[in-house]
């Protein structure tokens, strides 16, 4: 672990030395599985298409003002 952290510090130092001020972002997992979004790992209770439509409707309901300003042509 210490070797890994030293590598990250050295990479960051090199990145800053060439003018890159953007920080690193890491996504952690407790086990070594493929990186799949949580929604892709869930087991749906029922028809997956119906579940996704419900999730999308729930997203749109409280965010209507944010969505309307972009004038989407469809879903």
PDB file of N, CA and C in Angstrom:
ATOM      1  N   UNK A   1       0.831  -1.195   0.000  1.00  0.00           N
ATOM      2  CA  UNK A   1       0.000   0.000   0.000  1.00  0.00           C
ATOM      3  C   UNK A   1       0.878   1.262   0.000  1.00  0.00           C
ATOM      4  N   UNK A   2       1.932   1.227   0.791  1.00  0.00           N
ATOM      5  CA  UNK A   2       2.810   2.391   0.891  1.00  0.00           C
ATOM      6  C   UNK A   2       3.473   2.682  -0.459  1.00  0.00           C
ATOM      7  N   UNK A   3       3.861   1.638  -1.147  1.00  0.00           N
ATOM      8  CA  UNK A   3       4.478   1.802  -2.470  1.00  0.00           C
ATOM      9  C   UNK A   3       3.492   2.446  -3.452  1.00  0.00           C
ATOM     10  N   UNK A   4       2.254   2.020  -3.372  1.00  0.00           N
ATOM     11  CA  UNK A   4       1.202   2.586  -4.225  1.00  0.00           C
ATOM     12  C   UNK A   4       1.029   4.078  -3.945  1.00  0.00           C
ATOM     13  N   UNK A   5       0.978   4.448  -2.682  1.00  0.00           N
ATOM     14  CA  UNK A   5       0.813   5.850  -2.314  1.00  0.00           C
ATOM     15  C   UNK A   5       1.993   6.700  -2.776  1.00  0.00           C
ATOM     16  N   UNK A   6       3.205   6.150  -2.669  1.00  0.00           N
ATOM     17  CA  UNK A   6       4.392   6.860  -3.153  1.00  0.00           C
ATOM     18  C   UNK A   6       4.309   7.074  -4.666  1.00  0.00           C
ATOM     19  N   UNK A   7       3.829   6.075  -5.391  1.00  0.00           N
ATOM     20  CA  UNK A   7       3.650   6.207  -6.844  1.00  0.00           C
ATOM     21  C   UNK A   7       2.638   7.308  -7.167  1.00  0.00           C
ATOM     22  N   UNK A   8       1.550   7.359  -6.431  1.00  0.00           N
ATOM     23  CA  UNK A   8       0.531   8.392  -6.637  1.00  0.00           C
ATOM     24  C   UNK A   8       1.119   9.775  -6.353  1.00  0.00           C
ATOM     25  N   UNK A   9       1.852   9.910  -5.259  1.00  0.00           N
ATOM     26  CA  UNK A   9       2.471  11.198  -4.915  1.00  0.00           C
ATOM     27  C   UNK A   9       3.442  11.644  -6.007  1.00  0.00           C
ATOM     28  N   UNK A  10       4.255  10.720  -6.515  1.00  0.00           N
ATOM     29  CA  UNK A  10       5.223  11.059  -7.563  1.00  0.00           C
ATOM     30  C   UNK A  10       4.512  11.460  -8.857  1.00  0.00           C
ATOM     31  N   UNK A  11       3.459  10.741  -9.190  1.00  0.00           N
ATOM     32  CA  UNK A  11       2.688  11.060 -10.397  1.00  0.00           C
ATOM     33  C   UNK A  11       2.029  12.428 -10.259  1.00  0.00           C
ATOM     34  N   UNK A  12       1.489  12.711  -9.088  1.00  0.00           N
ATOM     35  CA  UNK A  12       0.861  14.006  -8.827  1.00  0.00           C
ATOM     36  C   UNK A  12       1.887  15.128  -8.936  1.00  0.00           C
ATOM     37  N   UNK A  13       3.066  14.919  -8.352  1.00  0.00           N
ATOM     38  CA  UNK A  13       4.131  15.925  -8.393  1.00  0.00           C
ATOM     39  C   UNK A  13       4.545  16.207  -9.833  1.00  0.00           C
ATOM     40  N   UNK A  14       4.693  15.164 -10.627  1.00  0.00           N
ATOM     41  CA  UNK A  14       5.056  15.321 -12.038  1.00  0.00           C
ATOM     42  C   UNK A  14       3.949  16.055 -12.794  1.00  0.00           C
ATOM     43  N   UNK A  15       2.712  15.721 -12.510  1.00  0.00           N
ATOM     44  CA  UNK A  15       1.575  16.362 -13.160  1.00  0.00           C
ATOM     45  C   UNK A  15       1.531  17.861 -12.855  1.00  0.00           C
ATOM     46  N   UNK A  16       1.771  18.217 -11.598  1.00  0.00           N
ATOM     47  CA  UNK A  16       1.776  19.622 -11.192  1.00  0.00           C
ATOM     48  C   UNK A  16       2.955  20.362 -11.834  1.00  0.00           C
ATOM     49  N   UNK A  17       4.092  19.690 -11.953  1.00  0.00           N
ATOM     50  CA  UNK A  17       5.282  20.338 -12.517  1.00  0.00           C
ATOM     51  C   UNK A  17       5.107  20.728 -13.991  1.00  0.00           C
ATOM     52  N   UNK A  18       4.193  20.054 -14.691  1.00  0.00           N
ATOM     53  CA  UNK A  18       3.946  20.423 -16.093  1.00  0.00           C
ATOM     54  C   UNK A  18       2.729  21.329 -16.240  1.00  0.00           C
ATOM     55  N   UNK A  19       2.230  21.819 -15.096  1.00  0.00           N
ATOM     56  CA  UNK A  19       1.150  22.805 -15.120  1.00  0.00           C
ATOM     57  C   UNK A  19      -0.254  22.266 -14.982  1.00  0.00           C
ATOM     58  N   UNK A  20      -0.402  20.993 -14.697  1.00  0.00           N
ATOM     59  CA  UNK A  20      -1.730  20.411 -14.523  1.00  0.00           C
ATOM     60  C   UNK A  20      -2.183  20.629 -13.082  1.00  0.00           C
ATOM     61  N   UNK A  21      -3.237  21.412 -12.903  1.00  0.00           N
ATOM     62  CA  UNK A  21      -3.704  21.689 -11.547  1.00  0.00           C
ATOM     63  C   UNK A  21      -4.929  20.857 -11.173  1.00  0.00           C
ATOM     64  N   UNK A  22      -5.364  19.984 -12.069  1.00  0.00           N
ATOM     65  CA  UNK A  22      -6.534  19.153 -11.789  1.00  0.00           C
ATOM     66  C   UNK A  22      -6.132  18.020 -10.851  1.00  0.00           C
ATOM     67  N   UNK A  23      -6.966  17.791  -9.838  1.00  0.00           N
ATOM     68  CA  UNK A  23      -6.664  16.759  -8.850  1.00  0.00           C
ATOM     69  C   UNK A  23      -7.072  15.386  -9.361  1.00  0.00           C
ATOM     70  N   UNK A  24      -6.557  14.349  -8.730  1.00  0.00           N
ATOM     71  CA  UNK A  24      -6.908  12.981  -9.080  1.00  0.00           C
ATOM     72  C   UNK A  24      -8.220  12.596  -8.427  1.00  0.00           C
ATOM     73  N   UNK A  25      -8.900  11.649  -9.018  1.00  0.00           N
ATOM     74  CA  UNK A  25     -10.147  11.128  -8.472  1.00  0.00           C
ATOM     75  C   UNK A  25     -10.059   9.609  -8.492  1.00  0.00           C
ATOM     76  N   UNK A  26     -10.342   8.996  -7.361  1.00  0.00           N
ATOM     77  CA  UNK A  26     -10.270   7.551  -7.262  1.00  0.00           C
ATOM     78  C   UNK A  26     -11.625   6.991  -6.880  1.00  0.00           C
ATOM     79  N   UNK A  27     -11.942   5.834  -7.458  1.00  0.00           N
ATOM     80  CA  UNK A  27     -13.178   5.134  -7.114  1.00  0.00           C
ATOM     81  C   UNK A  27     -12.772   3.839  -6.432  1.00  0.00           C
ATOM     82  N   UNK A  28     -13.185   3.682  -5.211  1.00  0.00           N
ATOM     83  CA  UNK A  28     -12.765   2.501  -4.468  1.00  0.00           C
ATOM     84  C   UNK A  28     -13.807   1.410  -4.437  1.00  0.00           C
ATOM     85  N   UNK A  29     -13.333   0.192  -4.320  1.00  0.00           N
ATOM     86  CA  UNK A  29     -14.180  -0.989  -4.151  1.00  0.00           C
ATOM     87  C   UNK A  29     -13.512  -1.862  -3.111  1.00  0.00           C
ATOM     88  N   UNK A  30     -14.308  -2.536  -2.325  1.00  0.00           N
ATOM     89  CA  UNK A  30     -13.742  -3.390  -1.293  1.00  0.00           C
ATOM     90  C   UNK A  30     -13.258  -4.731  -1.852  1.00  0.00           C
ATOM     91  N   UNK A  31     -13.697  -5.070  -3.076  1.00  0.00           N
ATOM     92  CA  UNK A  31     -13.269  -6.305  -3.733  1.00  0.00           C
ATOM     93  C   UNK A  31     -12.929  -6.010  -5.189  1.00  0.00           C
ATOM     94  N   UNK A  32     -12.207  -6.905  -5.827  1.00  0.00           N
ATOM     95  CA  UNK A  32     -11.771  -6.698  -7.198  1.00  0.00           C
ATOM     96  C   UNK A  32     -12.798  -7.263  -8.178  1.00  0.00           C
ATOM     97  N   UNK A  33     -13.862  -6.504  -8.424  1.00  0.00           N
ATOM     98  CA  UNK A  33     -14.893  -6.840  -9.403  1.00  0.00           C
ATOM     99  C   UNK A  33     -14.840  -5.817 -10.515  1.00  0.00           C
ATOM    100  N   UNK A  34     -15.450  -6.129 -11.676  1.00  0.00           N
ATOM    101  CA  UNK A  34     -15.520  -5.120 -12.746  1.00  0.00           C
ATOM    102  C   UNK A  34     -16.244  -3.865 -12.249  1.00  0.00           C
ATOM    103  N   UNK A  35     -15.838  -2.694 -12.762  1.00  0.00           N
ATOM    104  CA  UNK A  35     -16.478  -1.445 -12.359  1.00  0.00           C
ATOM    105  C   UNK A  35     -17.818  -1.303 -13.086  1.00  0.00           C
ATOM    106  N   UNK A  36     -18.872  -1.599 -12.380  1.00  0.00           N
ATOM    107  CA  UNK A  36     -20.231  -1.531 -12.909  1.00  0.00           C
ATOM    108  C   UNK A  36     -21.024  -0.615 -11.984  1.00  0.00           C
ATOM    109  N   UNK A  37     -21.783   0.342 -12.538  1.00  0.00           N
ATOM    110  CA  UNK A  37     -22.590   1.219 -11.678  1.00  0.00           C
ATOM    111  C   UNK A  37     -23.517   0.395 -10.777  1.00  0.00           C
ATOM    112  N   UNK A  38     -23.845   0.952  -9.635  1.00  0.00           N
ATOM    113  CA  UNK A  38     -24.680   0.234  -8.673  1.00  0.00           C
ATOM    114  C   UNK A  38     -25.987  -0.231  -9.285  1.00  0.00           C
ATOM    115  N   UNK A  39     -26.597   0.618 -10.098  1.00  0.00           N
ATOM    116  CA  UNK A  39     -27.881   0.233 -10.682  1.00  0.00           C
ATOM    117  C   UNK A  39     -27.727  -1.000 -11.567  1.00  0.00           C
ATOM    118  N   UNK A  40     -26.555  -1.189 -12.148  1.00  0.00           N
ATOM    119  CA  UNK A  40     -26.309  -2.365 -12.968  1.00  0.00           C
ATOM    120  C   UNK A  40     -26.072  -3.622 -12.162  1.00  0.00           C
ATOM    121  N   UNK A  41     -25.784  -3.464 -10.883  1.00  0.00           N
ATOM    122  CA  UNK A  41     -25.551  -4.617 -10.009  1.00  0.00           C
ATOM    123  C   UNK A  41     -26.799  -5.035  -9.250  1.00  0.00           C
ATOM    124  N   UNK A  42     -27.813  -4.195  -9.262  1.00  0.00           N
ATOM    125  CA  UNK A  42     -29.039  -4.506  -8.532  1.00  0.00           C
ATOM    126  C   UNK A  42     -29.844  -5.573  -9.261  1.00  0.00           C
ATOM    127  N   UNK A  43     -30.581  -6.353  -8.509  1.00  0.00           N
ATOM    128  CA  UNK A  43     -31.498  -7.323  -9.087  1.00  0.00           C
ATOM    129  C   UNK A  43     -32.884  -6.685  -9.054  1.00  0.00           C
ATOM    130  N   UNK A  44     -33.442  -6.387 -10.243  1.00  0.00           N
ATOM    131  CA  UNK A  44     -34.738  -5.692 -10.258  1.00  0.00           C
ATOM    132  C   UNK A  44     -35.864  -6.564  -9.724  1.00  0.00           C
ATOM    133  N   UNK A  45     -36.798  -5.916  -9.059  1.00  0.00           N
ATOM    134  CA  UNK A  45     -37.993  -6.600  -8.583  1.00  0.00           C
ATOM    135  C   UNK A  45     -39.062  -6.388  -9.636  1.00  0.00           C
ATOM    136  N   UNK A  46     -39.088  -7.243 -10.625  1.00  0.00           N
ATOM    137  CA  UNK A  46     -40.051  -7.118 -11.713  1.00  0.00           C
ATOM    138  C   UNK A  46     -39.359  -6.884 -13.041  1.00  0.00           C
ATOM    139  N   UNK A  47     -40.120  -6.396 -13.991  1.00  0.00           N
ATOM    140  CA  UNK A  47     -39.633  -6.157 -15.346  1.00  0.00           C
ATOM    141  C   UNK A  47     -38.627  -5.004 -15.354  1.00  0.00           C
ATOM    142  N   UNK A  48     -37.414  -5.236 -15.883  1.00  0.00           N
ATOM    143  CA  UNK A  48     -36.341  -4.239 -15.866  1.00  0.00           C
ATOM    144  C   UNK A  48     -36.750  -2.963 -16.593  1.00  0.00           C
ATOM    145  N   UNK A  49     -37.413  -3.070 -17.739  1.00  0.00           N
ATOM    146  CA  UNK A  49     -37.836  -1.887 -18.482  1.00  0.00           C
ATOM    147  C   UNK A  49     -38.805  -1.043 -17.653  1.00  0.00           C
ATOM    148  N   UNK A  50     -39.720  -1.694 -16.982  1.00  0.00           N
ATOM    149  CA  UNK A  50     -40.682  -0.981 -16.140  1.00  0.00           C
ATOM    150  C   UNK A  50     -39.966  -0.288 -14.973  1.00  0.00           C
ATOM    151  N   UNK A  51     -38.989  -0.979 -14.389  1.00  0.00           N
ATOM    152  CA  UNK A  51     -38.214  -0.408 -13.288  1.00  0.00           C
ATOM    153  C   UNK A  51     -37.463   0.839 -13.763  1.00  0.00           C
ATOM    154  N   UNK A  52     -36.803   0.750 -14.937  1.00  0.00           N
ATOM    155  CA  UNK A  52     -36.069   1.898 -15.470  1.00  0.00           C
ATOM    156  C   UNK A  52     -36.993   3.066 -15.782  1.00  0.00           C
ATOM    157  N   UNK A  53     -38.166   2.803 -16.332  1.00  0.00           N
ATOM    158  CA  UNK A  53     -39.124   3.877 -16.625  1.00  0.00           C
ATOM    159  C   UNK A  53     -39.565   4.564 -15.332  1.00  0.00           C
ATOM    160  N   UNK A  54     -39.782   3.773 -14.290  1.00  0.00           N
ATOM    161  CA  UNK A  54     -40.180   4.343 -12.998  1.00  0.00           C
ATOM    162  C   UNK A  54     -39.071   5.214 -12.429  1.00  0.00           C
ATOM    163  N   UNK A  55     -37.828   4.740 -12.507  1.00  0.00           N
ATOM    164  CA  UNK A  55     -36.684   5.515 -12.016  1.00  0.00           C
ATOM    165  C   UNK A  55     -36.586   6.830 -12.787  1.00  0.00           C
ATOM    166  N   UNK A  56     -36.755   6.764 -14.107  1.00  0.00           N
ATOM    167  CA  UNK A  56     -36.667   7.963 -14.937  1.00  0.00           C
ATOM    168  C   UNK A  56     -37.778   8.956 -14.595  1.00  0.00           C
ATOM    169  N   UNK A  57     -38.985   8.470 -14.400  1.00  0.00           N
ATOM    170  CA  UNK A  57     -40.099   9.351 -14.028  1.00  0.00           C
ATOM    171  C   UNK A  57     -39.835  10.012 -12.671  1.00  0.00           C
ATOM    172  N   UNK A  58     -39.287   9.247 -11.738  1.00  0.00           N
ATOM    173  CA  UNK A  58     -38.965   9.808 -10.423  1.00  0.00           C
ATOM    174  C   UNK A  58     -37.859  10.846 -10.518  1.00  0.00           C
ATOM    175  N   UNK A  59     -36.927  10.674 -11.456  1.00  0.00           N
ATOM    176  CA  UNK A  59     -35.881  11.672 -11.677  1.00  0.00           C
ATOM    177  C   UNK A  59     -36.474  12.955 -12.237  1.00  0.00           C
ATOM    178  N   UNK A  60     -37.360  12.827 -13.211  1.00  0.00           N
ATOM    179  CA  UNK A  60     -37.923  14.001 -13.882  1.00  0.00           C
ATOM    180  C   UNK A  60     -38.871  14.798 -12.989  1.00  0.00           C
ATOM    181  N   UNK A  61     -39.604  14.113 -12.124  1.00  0.00           N
ATOM    182  CA  UNK A  61     -40.639  14.778 -11.324  1.00  0.00           C
ATOM    183  C   UNK A  61     -40.112  15.968 -10.523  1.00  0.00           C
ATOM    184  N   UNK A  62     -39.084  15.827  -9.672  1.00  0.00           N
ATOM    185  CA  UNK A  62     -38.619  16.986  -8.903  1.00  0.00           C
ATOM    186  C   UNK A  62     -37.659  17.894  -9.683  1.00  0.00           C
ATOM    187  N   UNK A  63     -37.218  17.466 -10.864  1.00  0.00           N
ATOM    188  CA  UNK A  63     -36.227  18.223 -11.623  1.00  0.00           C
ATOM    189  C   UNK A  63     -36.809  18.880 -12.870  1.00  0.00           C
ATOM    190  N   UNK A  64     -38.093  19.036 -12.938  1.00  0.00           N
ATOM    191  CA  UNK A  64     -38.742  19.545 -14.146  1.00  0.00           C
ATOM    192  C   UNK A  64     -38.202  20.910 -14.563  1.00  0.00           C
ATOM    193  N   UNK A  65     -37.977  21.803 -13.619  1.00  0.00           N
ATOM    194  CA  UNK A  65     -37.470  23.137 -13.972  1.00  0.00           C
ATOM    195  C   UNK A  65     -36.065  23.062 -14.574  1.00  0.00           C
ATOM    196  N   UNK A  66     -35.253  22.152 -14.093  1.00  0.00           N
ATOM    197  CA  UNK A  66     -33.915  21.980 -14.657  1.00  0.00           C
ATOM    198  C   UNK A  66     -33.979  21.389 -16.066  1.00  0.00           C
ATOM    199  N   UNK A  67     -34.906  20.477 -16.277  1.00  0.00           N
ATOM    200  CA  UNK A  67     -35.036  19.818 -17.574  1.00  0.00           C
ATOM    201  C   UNK A  67     -35.631  20.774 -18.601  1.00  0.00           C
ATOM    202  N   UNK A  68     -36.674  21.524 -18.231  1.00  0.00           N
ATOM    203  CA  UNK A  68     -37.365  22.406 -19.169  1.00  0.00           C
ATOM    204  C   UNK A  68     -36.461  23.462 -19.789  1.00  0.00           C
ATOM    205  N   UNK A  69     -35.501  23.964 -19.028  1.00  0.00           N
ATOM    206  CA  UNK A  69     -34.646  25.026 -19.551  1.00  0.00           C
ATOM    207  C   UNK A  69     -33.770  24.571 -20.719  1.00  0.00           C
ATOM    208  N   UNK A  70     -33.600  23.248 -20.869  1.00  0.00           N
ATOM    209  CA  UNK A  70     -32.803  22.723 -21.975  1.00  0.00           C
ATOM    210  C   UNK A  70     -33.653  22.346 -23.186  1.00  0.00           C
ATOM    211  N   UNK A  71     -34.959  22.475 -23.044  1.00  0.00           N
ATOM    212  CA  UNK A  71     -35.923  22.188 -24.102  1.00  0.00           C
ATOM    213  C   UNK A  71     -35.651  20.857 -24.808  1.00  0.00           C
ATOM    214  N   UNK A  72     -35.683  19.759 -24.084  1.00  0.00           N
ATOM    215  CA  UNK A  72     -35.445  18.464 -24.727  1.00  0.00           C
ATOM    216  C   UNK A  72     -36.556  18.143 -25.726  1.00  0.00           C
ATOM    217  N   UNK A  73     -36.178  17.507 -26.835  1.00  0.00           N
ATOM    218  CA  UNK A  73     -37.147  17.147 -27.865  1.00  0.00           C
ATOM    219  C   UNK A  73     -37.887  15.854 -27.534  1.00  0.00           C
ATOM    220  N   UNK A  74     -37.236  15.015 -26.724  1.00  0.00           N
ATOM    221  CA  UNK A  74     -37.861  13.766 -26.286  1.00  0.00           C
ATOM    222  C   UNK A  74     -37.153  13.302 -25.014  1.00  0.00           C
ATOM    223  N   UNK A  75     -37.584  12.144 -24.515  1.00  0.00           N
ATOM    224  CA  UNK A  75     -36.985  11.613 -23.282  1.00  0.00           C
ATOM    225  C   UNK A  75     -35.582  11.124 -23.537  1.00  0.00           C
TER     226      UNK A  75
END
